[in-house]
Structure formats: structure tokens, C-alpha cells
């Protein structure tokens, strides 16, 4: 079992700064197990700590400006989950998921690896085999760590899932100013 050591205060504040939400405040570590999915993953975000929106994006341009990377990805079956626990190993009632995705098209930023790791609160909502347009923010688990993964900018605001028609539909139902859909050939204004 992998163990990620950080205080939830640092973890939560870092995640809050990156994804625009607030979460649990207490000392904690994240215990992690590597998983390979044997089926579909629920699209609900169970296991997520209670969060509240701290930032409302006025436009896709504003969302893109805050993101370090904007990319169309295919979600793989590979992921790790971790439970939020305090310094004594007692569960704080929340989980995180780090999902592996493969970039198909880069709209902003650069990547140096053939795949990316994306942190999500709870069990996550990125289903294996699905295609998403993601607005991502670089994520370090703790101060001083080497950069190794991303968080979705604005919690769910930075996630659009590809529909059977080929366009991208907004996942976040609580961002009224963002468009409900983006075209399949979406490009960012430079």
C-alpha cells in the first residue's frame, strides 16, 4: 500500500488553490492502492469531501487562462485511489483518485510524457474509454515535491465530456456562465 504524506490542510489548500473549492482541514495522510479497473466506474463522485465553490468562471477564455494545460484526452483503465486519513490513520471520510489519461490533442501547454495523471476528489468521474476536453492545473502533492500530475481546473468546471455527436458537453451543472457544449473542433483564441 502506498502512503502519501501531507497534511490535509496543505492538501486541501493546494487543491483549493488549483480547483477552486474548499475542503476538509486537519492533519492527514493519503493511503493509496494501485488499481486497474475491471469495469465501468460510476460517474457520480462518491467519497468526495464536502466542497463549496469558491470561484465561478465567467467564460471558457477565463477558464483557459487559469489552466496550465488544455487537452483532449482518452481515459485509461489505470488509476490509484487514496483515503484521507489523519496522522493516526483514522479515516476523515474522504477519498481521492488519480486517473491516468492519454492526450489526443493539446490546445494549450506542453507535456513531456505520453500520459498524464489527473487528481480528482472522491471516486472520480472520468470513465475508462471516454474522451474529455480537460482544462488542467499543475498539481504537486506537497510543497517541494516534483511536479507529477494535474487537477481539473475549477473542480468540475474544467471538464467537458465528448458526446456521441462528437461535441463536448459540460460536466459541471453549477457553472451557469460556461457554455453547455463546445464543438468537436474547439480551439482556443490566441
Foldseek 3Di string as FASTA:
>chain_A
DDKAADAVQQQQVQCCVFAQKGFDGAGWIWHKDKDFDPDKDDQDFPQFGDIDGRDADQEVLSLLVSFQWWFKWAWARTKMKIFTAHPVRHGPRWMKMWTKIATPGTQHHDDDDRIAIEIAIGPHRRIHGWIKGFRWHFGDSGPPHDTGHTYGHNRQQGIFTADPVQWTARPDPPRVNYDRIGGNPDHDDD
